[in-house]
Amino acid sequence: MAIIKGKVYVLKDDIDTDQIIPANFLNLVPTIPEEYVELGTHALAGLPDSYLPFMKPGEKKAEYSIIIAGRNFGCGSSREHAPVALGAAGVEAVIAESFARIFFRNCIATGEVYPLEVLERLCDIFSTGDEAEINIEGNIIVNKTNNKTFETLPLGAAKDVIDSGGIFEYARKAGLCS
C-alpha cells in the first residue's frame, strides 16, 4: 500500500502499551476473528481522560486511520497486542517522533500498522480530526486540512515485510518457510 488517507488522531509523548491496549484485554486471542474485532474496540482504552475518546461506543472501527504522536510511542511492555489492537481498530499508520524499539519491531512483525518516524513535532501541528494523506514510498504526509507537507523517514526493507502482512507471511512469500 503506497497511499493512506484518513482522519488523524493526535497523541503526545510516552504513550505506553498499557494505554494502547490495557492488560485486562490481553486474554483476547487475535487469531480468532471475533476476538480480533473485539480487541480493536478496546484500542487506546487506557488513555487519560484528557484525550477525546478514540472509539465511539458500539462501533467496531475507529473513525481515525492515522495516529500522530510525539516521542517514545509504544513504550512499556513488549506486548504484541498493541499494534494488533490498533490495526483491528482500523489504524493503518502511526507517525511519531520516535518509537519504543519493541513496539516498532512488533508493527513490522505483525504487519498491522506502518510505524513512520518524523523529525518534526507533528503532534503540535496536527489536530485530532484533521484529514491527512501519507505517501509511504514518497516519504511524505500532507495535512489536507491546512495543505502543509512534511517528510517521514523511509521504512526501508521493513515496508516489504509490512506490505506482506507481517514477518511470517513475508517469509512464506520469500520461500523461507512453508
Foldseek 3Di string as FASTA:
>chain_A
DFKDKAFEFFEEPDAELCQQFNPVLVVQDCVPPVSLLVLLQCGRVNDPPVGDDQHDPPDSAGRGQEYEYEPAPHDDDLDLSRLSNSLRNNHAEYEYQYYDVSNCQSCLAQLRHHYWYFPDRCSVVDHGGFIKMGRQVVQWMARPNVGDIGGTDHPPPSVQSSVLRHDVSSCVVVVVDD
